[in-house]
Amino acid sequence: MKLLRKNSIPAACLCVFFAVLFFSLFFNGKPAEKEQAGYSVIEEGVELSFRPRSLELELFFTREKFEAFYARMHQNRIPRPEAPYIDFTRSIVVFVTLGEKSSTGFSIDVRGVFKRGNALSLRAVPISPPQESLQAQMITHPYVLILIPKNSFKRIEWVNERGEVLESQNL
């Protein structure tokens, strides 16, 4: 009996440790992400004709506004590409940028779009170049255009890999 009690104390401590770890990882005060919503990446790059300075999230609900923005994005390119056709009765276009970066190697990795409460949560992770790598020293503006389905959500959130909201906008 004494042997059983001595071994049960470390086992109980171990169970408590794993329970605390589990709850801290999965129940950290943020609404849980539910099923993934459909999305597709329309375009991504590092060169824009305008100069956003910081993180930016912009939504487009109409063809006219999207085409004007797309033309502005590419006004320095010859020939200027045409905006892709989007059915705005079914979809929304989301523009995400990291803003101005001082070297190459930065990008945005879209890892999913999830339903999270009454919000649509866009998991788009900023990617930085490895610290010891050699990168060309030039101004870049990493961006991505994402097509998401139009639903009854009240807001869209751009979250990082830890689920922290980087930027949000009401719909």
N, C-alpha and C. Protein backbone atom coordinates (compact mmCIF):
# COMPACT_ATOMS: atom_id res chain seq x y z
N MET A 1 0.81 -1.19 0.00
CA MET A 1 0.00 0.00 0.00
C MET A 1 0.86 1.26 0.00
N LYS A 2 1.91 1.27 0.79
CA LYS A 2 2.76 2.45 0.86
C LYS A 2 3.39 2.73 -0.51
N LEU A 3 3.76 1.68 -1.21
CA LEU A 3 4.39 1.85 -2.51
C LEU A 3 3.41 2.48 -3.50
N LEU A 4 2.16 2.06 -3.44
CA LEU A 4 1.14 2.60 -4.33
C LEU A 4 0.92 4.09 -4.09
N ARG A 5 0.90 4.51 -2.84
CA ARG A 5 0.71 5.92 -2.52
C ARG A 5 1.87 6.77 -2.99
N LYS A 6 3.10 6.28 -2.84
CA LYS A 6 4.25 7.06 -3.28
C LYS A 6 4.23 7.28 -4.79
N ASN A 7 3.84 6.28 -5.54
CA ASN A 7 3.80 6.40 -6.99
C ASN A 7 2.59 7.20 -7.48
N SER A 8 1.53 7.24 -6.69
CA SER A 8 0.33 7.94 -7.15
C SER A 8 0.48 9.45 -7.05
N ILE A 9 1.34 9.95 -6.17
CA ILE A 9 1.53 11.40 -6.06
C ILE A 9 2.19 11.94 -7.33
N PRO A 10 3.31 11.39 -7.82
CA PRO A 10 3.86 11.91 -9.08
C PRO A 10 2.90 11.74 -10.25
N ALA A 11 2.14 10.65 -10.26
CA ALA A 11 1.18 10.44 -11.34
C ALA A 11 0.08 11.50 -11.30
N ALA A 12 -0.38 11.85 -10.10
CA ALA A 12 -1.41 12.87 -9.96
C ALA A 12 -0.86 14.23 -10.39
N CYS A 13 0.38 14.53 -10.01
CA CYS A 13 1.01 15.80 -10.41
C CYS A 13 1.14 15.86 -11.93
N LEU A 14 1.50 14.75 -12.52
CA LEU A 14 1.65 14.69 -13.97
C LEU A 14 0.31 14.92 -14.66
N CYS A 15 -0.75 14.34 -14.13
CA CYS A 15 -2.09 14.54 -14.70
C CYS A 15 -2.52 16.00 -14.60
N VAL A 16 -2.27 16.61 -13.44
CA VAL A 16 -2.62 18.02 -13.26
C VAL A 16 -1.83 18.88 -14.23
N PHE A 17 -0.53 18.60 -14.39
CA PHE A 17 0.31 19.35 -15.31
C PHE A 17 -0.24 19.30 -16.73
N PHE A 18 -0.59 18.10 -17.21
CA PHE A 18 -1.10 17.97 -18.57
C PHE A 18 -2.48 18.60 -18.73
N ALA A 19 -3.30 18.56 -17.68
CA ALA A 19 -4.61 19.21 -17.74
C ALA A 19 -4.45 20.72 -17.87
N VAL A 20 -3.54 21.31 -17.08
CA VAL A 20 -3.28 22.75 -17.16
C VAL A 20 -2.72 23.11 -18.53
N LEU A 21 -1.78 22.31 -19.05
CA LEU A 21 -1.20 22.55 -20.36
C LEU A 21 -2.28 22.50 -21.44
N PHE A 22 -3.15 21.51 -21.38
CA PHE A 22 -4.22 21.36 -22.36
C PHE A 22 -5.13 22.58 -22.35
N PHE A 23 -5.59 22.99 -21.17
CA PHE A 23 -6.51 24.13 -21.08
C PHE A 23 -5.84 25.44 -21.49
N SER A 24 -4.56 25.60 -21.19
CA SER A 24 -3.90 26.84 -21.57
C SER A 24 -3.67 26.92 -23.08
N LEU A 25 -3.47 25.79 -23.73
CA LEU A 25 -3.25 25.79 -25.17
C LEU A 25 -4.54 25.95 -25.96
N PHE A 26 -5.61 25.32 -25.50
CA PHE A 26 -6.83 25.26 -26.30
C PHE A 26 -7.96 26.16 -25.81
N PHE A 27 -7.87 26.65 -24.60
CA PHE A 27 -8.92 27.52 -24.08
C PHE A 27 -8.29 28.78 -23.52
N ASN A 28 -7.74 29.59 -24.40
CA ASN A 28 -7.00 30.77 -23.98
C ASN A 28 -7.82 32.05 -24.06
N GLY A 29 -9.14 31.96 -23.91
CA GLY A 29 -9.97 33.14 -23.89
C GLY A 29 -10.43 33.62 -25.26
N LYS A 30 -10.00 32.98 -26.33
CA LYS A 30 -10.41 33.37 -27.67
C LYS A 30 -11.48 32.39 -28.14
N PRO A 31 -12.44 32.84 -28.95
CA PRO A 31 -13.43 31.91 -29.47
C PRO A 31 -12.75 30.83 -30.31
N ALA A 32 -13.24 29.63 -30.19
CA ALA A 32 -12.64 28.53 -30.94
C ALA A 32 -12.93 28.67 -32.43
N GLU A 33 -11.95 28.32 -33.24
CA GLU A 33 -12.16 28.32 -34.68
C GLU A 33 -12.94 27.06 -35.02
N LYS A 34 -13.97 27.25 -35.81
CA LYS A 34 -14.79 26.11 -36.19
C LYS A 34 -14.36 25.66 -37.57
N GLU A 35 -15.30 25.16 -38.34
CA GLU A 35 -14.95 24.61 -39.64
C GLU A 35 -14.34 25.65 -40.57
N GLN A 36 -13.57 25.16 -41.49
CA GLN A 36 -12.90 26.03 -42.44
C GLN A 36 -13.89 26.48 -43.50
N ALA A 37 -13.84 27.76 -43.84
CA ALA A 37 -14.66 28.31 -44.91
C ALA A 37 -13.84 28.25 -46.20
N GLY A 38 -14.51 28.15 -47.32
CA GLY A 38 -13.80 28.09 -48.59
C GLY A 38 -13.13 29.41 -48.92
N TYR A 39 -11.99 29.35 -49.55
CA TYR A 39 -11.28 30.54 -49.99
C TYR A 39 -10.35 30.16 -51.12
N SER A 40 -9.88 31.16 -51.85
CA SER A 40 -8.84 30.93 -52.85
C SER A 40 -7.98 32.18 -52.95
N VAL A 41 -6.70 31.97 -53.18
CA VAL A 41 -5.77 33.08 -53.36
C VAL A 41 -5.85 33.49 -54.83
N ILE A 42 -6.20 34.75 -55.07
CA ILE A 42 -6.29 35.28 -56.43
C ILE A 42 -4.92 35.69 -56.94
N GLU A 43 -4.17 36.37 -56.07
CA GLU A 43 -2.87 36.90 -56.48
C GLU A 43 -2.04 37.20 -55.24
N GLU A 44 -0.73 37.01 -55.36
CA GLU A 44 0.18 37.42 -54.29
C GLU A 44 1.45 37.95 -54.91
N GLY A 45 2.11 38.84 -54.20
CA GLY A 45 3.33 39.43 -54.74
C GLY A 45 4.00 40.34 -53.72
N VAL A 46 5.00 41.09 -54.20
CA VAL A 46 5.75 42.00 -53.32
C VAL A 46 5.88 43.40 -53.91
N GLU A 47 5.28 43.63 -55.06
CA GLU A 47 5.42 44.93 -55.73
C GLU A 47 4.06 45.56 -55.95
N LEU A 48 3.87 46.74 -55.35
CA LEU A 48 2.65 47.51 -55.52
C LEU A 48 3.03 48.90 -56.04
N SER A 49 2.12 49.54 -56.77
CA SER A 49 2.43 50.88 -57.27
C SER A 49 2.17 51.95 -56.21
N PHE A 50 1.47 51.63 -55.13
CA PHE A 50 1.31 52.55 -54.01
C PHE A 50 2.08 51.99 -52.83
N ARG A 51 2.26 52.76 -51.78
CA ARG A 51 3.17 52.41 -50.69
C ARG A 51 2.49 52.31 -49.33
N PRO A 52 1.84 51.18 -49.03
CA PRO A 52 1.30 51.04 -47.67
C PRO A 52 2.45 50.95 -46.67
N ARG A 53 2.35 51.63 -45.56
CA ARG A 53 3.43 51.69 -44.58
C ARG A 53 3.38 50.57 -43.54
N SER A 54 2.19 50.02 -43.28
CA SER A 54 2.07 49.01 -42.23
C SER A 54 1.02 47.98 -42.62
N LEU A 55 0.73 47.07 -41.68
CA LEU A 55 -0.29 46.05 -41.91
C LEU A 55 -1.58 46.69 -42.38
N GLU A 56 -2.22 46.07 -43.36
CA GLU A 56 -3.46 46.63 -43.88
C GLU A 56 -4.37 45.51 -44.32
N LEU A 57 -5.64 45.67 -44.04
CA LEU A 57 -6.69 44.74 -44.45
C LEU A 57 -7.77 45.57 -45.12
N GLU A 58 -8.10 45.22 -46.35
CA GLU A 58 -9.12 45.97 -47.07
C GLU A 58 -10.08 44.99 -47.74
N LEU A 59 -11.37 45.32 -47.71
CA LEU A 59 -12.41 44.45 -48.26
C LEU A 59 -13.07 45.11 -49.47
N PHE A 60 -13.44 44.28 -50.45
CA PHE A 60 -14.11 44.77 -51.66
C PHE A 60 -15.38 43.98 -51.88
N PHE A 61 -16.50 44.73 -51.99
CA PHE A 61 -17.82 44.12 -52.15
C PHE A 61 -18.40 44.36 -53.53
N THR A 62 -17.79 45.27 -54.33
CA THR A 62 -18.32 45.58 -55.66
C THR A 62 -17.22 45.49 -56.71
N ARG A 63 -17.62 45.16 -57.91
CA ARG A 63 -16.68 45.04 -59.03
C ARG A 63 -16.00 46.38 -59.33
N GLU A 64 -16.76 47.46 -59.30
CA GLU A 64 -16.22 48.78 -59.63
C GLU A 64 -15.07 49.16 -58.69
N LYS A 65 -15.28 49.02 -57.38
CA LYS A 65 -14.23 49.38 -56.41
C LYS A 65 -13.03 48.46 -56.53
N PHE A 66 -13.29 47.17 -56.77
CA PHE A 66 -12.18 46.23 -56.90
C PHE A 66 -11.36 46.53 -58.16
N GLU A 67 -12.02 46.78 -59.29
CA GLU A 67 -11.30 47.07 -60.53
C GLU A 67 -10.47 48.35 -60.40
N ALA A 68 -11.01 49.37 -59.74
CA ALA A 68 -10.26 50.62 -59.54
C ALA A 68 -9.04 50.36 -58.65
N PHE A 69 -9.21 49.58 -57.60
CA PHE A 69 -8.09 49.26 -56.71
C PHE A 69 -7.04 48.42 -57.43
N TYR A 70 -7.49 47.44 -58.20
CA TYR A 70 -6.58 46.56 -58.94
C TYR A 70 -5.76 47.37 -59.95
N ALA A 71 -6.40 48.31 -60.63
CA ALA A 71 -5.68 49.17 -61.59
C ALA A 71 -4.65 50.02 -60.85
N ARG A 72 -5.00 50.51 -59.66
CA ARG A 72 -4.06 51.30 -58.86
C ARG A 72 -2.89 50.43 -58.39
N MET A 73 -3.17 49.18 -58.04
CA MET A 73 -2.11 48.25 -57.61
C MET A 73 -1.05 48.07 -58.69
N HIS A 74 -1.49 48.04 -59.93
CA HIS A 74 -0.61 47.69 -61.06
C HIS A 74 -0.39 48.83 -62.05
N GLN A 75 -0.60 50.06 -61.64
CA GLN A 75 -0.50 51.18 -62.59
C GLN A 75 0.91 51.37 -63.13
N ASN A 76 1.94 50.86 -62.48
CA ASN A 76 3.31 50.99 -62.96
C ASN A 76 3.74 49.86 -63.90
N ARG A 77 2.88 48.88 -64.10
CA ARG A 77 3.23 47.74 -64.95
C ARG A 77 2.80 47.99 -66.38
N ILE A 78 3.64 47.55 -67.30
CA ILE A 78 3.32 47.65 -68.73
C ILE A 78 3.50 46.27 -69.33
N PRO A 79 2.51 45.70 -69.94
CA PRO A 79 1.13 46.14 -70.01
C PRO A 79 0.44 45.93 -68.66
N ARG A 80 -0.52 46.77 -68.36
CA ARG A 80 -1.26 46.67 -67.11
C ARG A 80 -2.22 45.48 -67.17
N PRO A 81 -2.15 44.57 -66.21
CA PRO A 81 -3.06 43.42 -66.25
C PRO A 81 -4.50 43.81 -65.95
N GLU A 82 -5.42 43.05 -66.50
CA GLU A 82 -6.84 43.27 -66.22
C GLU A 82 -7.19 42.59 -64.91
N ALA A 83 -8.13 43.17 -64.21
CA ALA A 83 -8.60 42.57 -62.95
C ALA A 83 -9.30 41.25 -63.26
N PRO A 84 -9.09 40.23 -62.46
CA PRO A 84 -9.80 38.97 -62.68
C PRO A 84 -11.30 39.14 -62.46
N TYR A 85 -12.09 38.34 -63.16
CA TYR A 85 -13.54 38.43 -63.00
C TYR A 85 -13.92 37.80 -61.66
N ILE A 86 -14.71 38.53 -60.88
CA ILE A 86 -15.21 38.06 -59.58
C ILE A 86 -16.72 38.22 -59.58
N ASP A 87 -17.44 37.20 -59.14
CA ASP A 87 -18.89 37.28 -58.97
C ASP A 87 -19.16 37.83 -57.57
N PHE A 88 -19.39 39.13 -57.47
CA PHE A 88 -19.56 39.77 -56.17
C PHE A 88 -20.93 39.49 -55.55
N THR A 89 -21.81 38.79 -56.24
CA THR A 89 -23.06 38.37 -55.60
C THR A 89 -22.79 37.19 -54.67
N ARG A 90 -21.68 36.50 -54.89
CA ARG A 90 -21.33 35.31 -54.09
C ARG A 90 -20.06 35.46 -53.28
N SER A 91 -19.23 36.45 -53.60
CA SER A 91 -17.90 36.51 -53.00
C SER A 91 -17.50 37.92 -52.58
N ILE A 92 -16.48 37.97 -51.72
CA ILE A 92 -15.83 39.19 -51.26
C ILE A 92 -14.35 39.03 -51.57
N VAL A 93 -13.68 40.11 -51.93
CA VAL A 93 -12.23 40.07 -52.12
C VAL A 93 -11.58 40.76 -50.92
N VAL A 94 -10.56 40.12 -50.37
CA VAL A 94 -9.83 40.65 -49.23
C VAL A 94 -8.39 40.93 -49.68
N PHE A 95 -7.93 42.14 -49.42
CA PHE A 95 -6.54 42.54 -49.69
C PHE A 95 -5.82 42.62 -48.35
N VAL A 96 -4.69 41.92 -48.25
CA VAL A 96 -3.88 41.92 -47.04
C VAL A 96 -2.45 42.27 -47.43
N THR A 97 -1.83 43.20 -46.70
CA THR A 97 -0.43 43.54 -46.96
C THR A 97 0.32 43.69 -45.64
N LEU A 98 1.61 43.42 -45.69
CA LEU A 98 2.48 43.63 -44.53
C LEU A 98 2.97 45.06 -44.45
N GLY A 99 2.74 45.84 -45.50
CA GLY A 99 3.26 47.19 -45.54
C GLY A 99 4.66 47.19 -46.12
N GLU A 100 5.38 48.26 -45.85
CA GLU A 100 6.72 48.43 -46.42
C GLU A 100 7.76 47.60 -45.67
N LYS A 101 8.56 46.85 -46.43
CA LYS A 101 9.67 46.06 -45.88
C LYS A 101 10.95 46.49 -46.58
N SER A 102 12.07 46.42 -45.86
CA SER A 102 13.32 46.96 -46.38
C SER A 102 14.16 45.95 -47.16
N SER A 103 13.66 44.72 -47.33
CA SER A 103 14.41 43.73 -48.10
C SER A 103 13.47 42.70 -48.70
N THR A 104 14.03 41.85 -49.55
CA THR A 104 13.25 40.75 -50.11
C THR A 104 13.12 39.65 -49.06
N GLY A 105 12.35 38.63 -49.35
CA GLY A 105 12.23 37.49 -48.45
C GLY A 105 10.99 37.51 -47.58
N PHE A 106 10.23 38.59 -47.57
CA PHE A 106 9.00 38.67 -46.80
C PHE A 106 7.83 38.21 -47.65
N SER A 107 6.86 37.54 -47.03
CA SER A 107 5.67 37.09 -47.75
C SER A 107 4.55 36.86 -46.74
N ILE A 108 3.40 36.48 -47.26
CA ILE A 108 2.23 36.16 -46.44
C ILE A 108 1.79 34.76 -46.80
N ASP A 109 1.71 33.88 -45.81
CA ASP A 109 1.29 32.50 -46.02
C ASP A 109 -0.15 32.36 -45.55
N VAL A 110 -1.08 32.19 -46.48
CA VAL A 110 -2.50 32.03 -46.13
C VAL A 110 -2.70 30.57 -45.72
N ARG A 111 -3.09 30.38 -44.48
CA ARG A 111 -3.24 29.02 -43.93
C ARG A 111 -4.69 28.61 -43.74
N GLY A 112 -5.61 29.51 -44.02
CA GLY A 112 -7.01 29.12 -43.93
C GLY A 112 -7.93 30.27 -43.58
N VAL A 113 -9.21 30.05 -43.81
CA VAL A 113 -10.27 30.98 -43.43
C VAL A 113 -11.25 30.15 -42.61
N PHE A 114 -11.51 30.60 -41.37
CA PHE A 114 -12.32 29.82 -40.44
C PHE A 114 -13.48 30.65 -39.92
N LYS A 115 -14.56 29.96 -39.57
CA LYS A 115 -15.69 30.59 -38.90
C LYS A 115 -15.32 30.64 -37.42
N ARG A 116 -15.43 31.83 -36.82
CA ARG A 116 -15.05 32.01 -35.41
C ARG A 116 -16.08 32.95 -34.78
N GLY A 117 -17.09 32.36 -34.15
CA GLY A 117 -18.18 33.17 -33.62
C GLY A 117 -18.93 33.82 -34.76
N ASN A 118 -19.17 35.14 -34.66
CA ASN A 118 -19.85 35.85 -35.76
C ASN A 118 -18.84 36.52 -36.69
N ALA A 119 -17.59 36.06 -36.62
CA ALA A 119 -16.52 36.62 -37.47
C ALA A 119 -15.98 35.54 -38.40
N LEU A 120 -15.39 36.01 -39.48
CA LEU A 120 -14.64 35.15 -40.38
C LEU A 120 -13.18 35.42 -40.07
N SER A 121 -12.47 34.40 -39.69
CA SER A 121 -11.09 34.54 -39.24
C SER A 121 -10.14 34.09 -40.35
N LEU A 122 -9.35 35.03 -40.86
CA LEU A 122 -8.40 34.78 -41.93
C LEU A 122 -7.03 34.53 -41.30
N ARG A 123 -6.55 33.31 -41.38
CA ARG A 123 -5.23 33.00 -40.84
C ARG A 123 -4.22 33.21 -41.96
N ALA A 124 -3.58 34.37 -41.94
CA ALA A 124 -2.56 34.75 -42.93
C ALA A 124 -1.31 35.13 -42.14
N VAL A 125 -0.31 34.28 -42.20
CA VAL A 125 0.87 34.41 -41.35
C VAL A 125 1.97 35.20 -42.06
N PRO A 126 2.43 36.29 -41.44
CA PRO A 126 3.58 37.02 -42.01
C PRO A 126 4.84 36.15 -41.94
N ILE A 127 5.52 36.02 -43.06
CA ILE A 127 6.75 35.23 -43.13
C ILE A 127 7.92 36.18 -43.32
N SER A 128 8.94 36.03 -42.48
CA SER A 128 10.16 36.84 -42.56
C SER A 128 11.28 35.97 -43.10
N PRO A 129 12.27 36.59 -43.73
CA PRO A 129 13.42 35.80 -44.20
C PRO A 129 14.23 35.29 -43.00
N PRO A 130 14.95 34.17 -43.16
CA PRO A 130 15.80 33.68 -42.07
C PRO A 130 16.80 34.76 -41.65
N GLN A 131 17.07 34.83 -40.36
CA GLN A 131 17.88 35.91 -39.81
C GLN A 131 19.29 36.01 -40.41
N GLU A 132 19.93 34.91 -40.67
CA GLU A 132 21.30 34.91 -41.17
C GLU A 132 21.39 34.88 -42.70
N SER A 133 20.25 34.95 -43.38
CA SER A 133 20.26 34.85 -44.84
C SER A 133 20.61 36.19 -45.49
N LEU A 134 21.14 36.10 -46.68
CA LEU A 134 21.43 37.30 -47.47
C LEU A 134 20.20 37.63 -48.31
N GLN A 135 19.73 38.86 -48.20
CA GLN A 135 18.56 39.30 -48.94
C GLN A 135 18.91 40.58 -49.69
N ALA A 136 18.32 40.76 -50.84
CA ALA A 136 18.51 42.00 -51.59
C ALA A 136 17.91 43.15 -50.79
N GLN A 137 18.64 44.24 -50.69
CA GLN A 137 18.16 45.41 -49.95
C GLN A 137 17.36 46.30 -50.90
N MET A 138 16.06 46.13 -50.86
CA MET A 138 15.16 46.92 -51.70
C MET A 138 13.81 46.99 -51.02
N ILE A 139 13.07 48.03 -51.27
CA ILE A 139 11.76 48.21 -50.65
C ILE A 139 10.77 47.26 -51.33
N THR A 140 10.08 46.47 -50.52
CA THR A 140 9.03 45.57 -51.02
C THR A 140 7.75 45.81 -50.23
N HIS A 141 6.64 45.37 -50.77
CA HIS A 141 5.33 45.49 -50.14
C HIS A 141 4.58 44.17 -50.32
N PRO A 142 4.88 43.16 -49.51
CA PRO A 142 4.22 41.86 -49.66
C PRO A 142 2.70 41.98 -49.51
N TYR A 143 1.97 41.33 -50.41
CA TYR A 143 0.51 41.40 -50.37
C TYR A 143 -0.08 40.08 -50.87
N VAL A 144 -1.37 39.93 -50.59
CA VAL A 144 -2.13 38.81 -51.12
C VAL A 144 -3.58 39.27 -51.31
N LEU A 145 -4.21 38.81 -52.40
CA LEU A 145 -5.63 39.02 -52.65
C LEU A 145 -6.32 37.67 -52.47
N ILE A 146 -7.35 37.64 -51.65
CA ILE A 146 -8.03 36.39 -51.30
C ILE A 146 -9.51 36.53 -51.62
N LEU A 147 -10.06 35.49 -52.22
CA LEU A 147 -11.49 35.42 -52.53
C LEU A 147 -12.16 34.57 -51.46
N ILE A 148 -13.17 35.12 -50.78
CA ILE A 148 -13.90 34.37 -49.76
C ILE A 148 -15.39 34.43 -50.07
N PRO A 149 -16.15 33.41 -49.63
CA PRO A 149 -17.59 33.42 -49.90
C PRO A 149 -18.31 34.49 -49.08
N LYS A 150 -19.33 35.08 -49.68
CA LYS A 150 -20.14 36.08 -48.98
C LYS A 150 -21.10 35.32 -48.07
N ASN A 151 -21.04 35.61 -46.80
CA ASN A 151 -21.91 34.97 -45.82
C ASN A 151 -22.50 36.02 -44.89
N SER A 152 -23.12 35.56 -43.81
CA SER A 152 -23.77 36.48 -42.88
C SER A 152 -22.86 36.84 -41.70
N PHE A 153 -21.57 37.00 -41.95
CA PHE A 153 -20.65 37.36 -40.88
C PHE A 153 -20.68 38.87 -40.65
N LYS A 154 -20.40 39.26 -39.42
CA LYS A 154 -20.44 40.67 -39.06
C LYS A 154 -19.06 41.33 -39.14
N ARG A 155 -18.00 40.53 -39.15
CA ARG A 155 -16.65 41.09 -39.22
C ARG A 155 -15.68 40.06 -39.79
N ILE A 156 -14.54 40.56 -40.25
CA ILE A 156 -13.47 39.68 -40.70
C ILE A 156 -12.23 40.06 -39.90
N GLU A 157 -11.50 39.04 -39.45
CA GLU A 157 -10.31 39.24 -38.64
C GLU A 157 -9.11 38.61 -39.33
N TRP A 158 -8.01 39.30 -39.33
CA TRP A 158 -6.74 38.74 -39.80
C TRP A 158 -6.00 38.30 -38.56
N VAL A 159 -5.75 36.98 -38.43
CA VAL A 159 -5.09 36.45 -37.25
C VAL A 159 -3.77 35.79 -37.62
N ASN A 160 -2.84 35.79 -36.67
CA ASN A 160 -1.55 35.12 -36.89
C ASN A 160 -1.66 33.65 -36.49
N GLU A 161 -0.52 32.95 -36.48
CA GLU A 161 -0.55 31.51 -36.20
C GLU A 161 -0.97 31.19 -34.78
N ARG A 162 -0.90 32.15 -33.85
CA ARG A 162 -1.33 31.93 -32.46
C ARG A 162 -2.80 32.32 -32.25
N GLY A 163 -3.46 32.78 -33.29
CA GLY A 163 -4.85 33.19 -33.17
C GLY A 163 -5.03 34.61 -32.69
N GLU A 164 -3.95 35.38 -32.58
CA GLU A 164 -4.05 36.77 -32.14
C GLU A 164 -4.48 37.64 -33.32
N VAL A 165 -5.42 38.54 -33.08
CA VAL A 165 -5.96 39.39 -34.14
C VAL A 165 -4.94 40.48 -34.46
N LEU A 166 -4.50 40.53 -35.72
CA LEU A 166 -3.57 41.56 -36.20
C LEU A 166 -4.31 42.80 -36.69
N GLU A 167 -5.45 42.55 -37.34
CA GLU A 167 -6.25 43.63 -37.93
C GLU A 167 -7.65 43.09 -38.09
N SER A 168 -8.65 43.93 -37.98
CA SER A 168 -10.03 43.48 -38.19
C SER A 168 -10.84 44.59 -38.82
N GLN A 169 -11.96 44.19 -39.41
CA GLN A 169 -12.85 45.17 -40.05
C GLN A 169 -14.27 44.64 -39.99
N ASN A 170 -15.20 45.53 -39.64
CA ASN A 170 -16.61 45.16 -39.64
C ASN A 170 -17.13 45.11 -41.06
N LEU A 171 -18.05 44.20 -41.31
CA LEU A 171 -18.63 44.07 -42.65
C LEU A 171 -19.88 44.91 -42.76
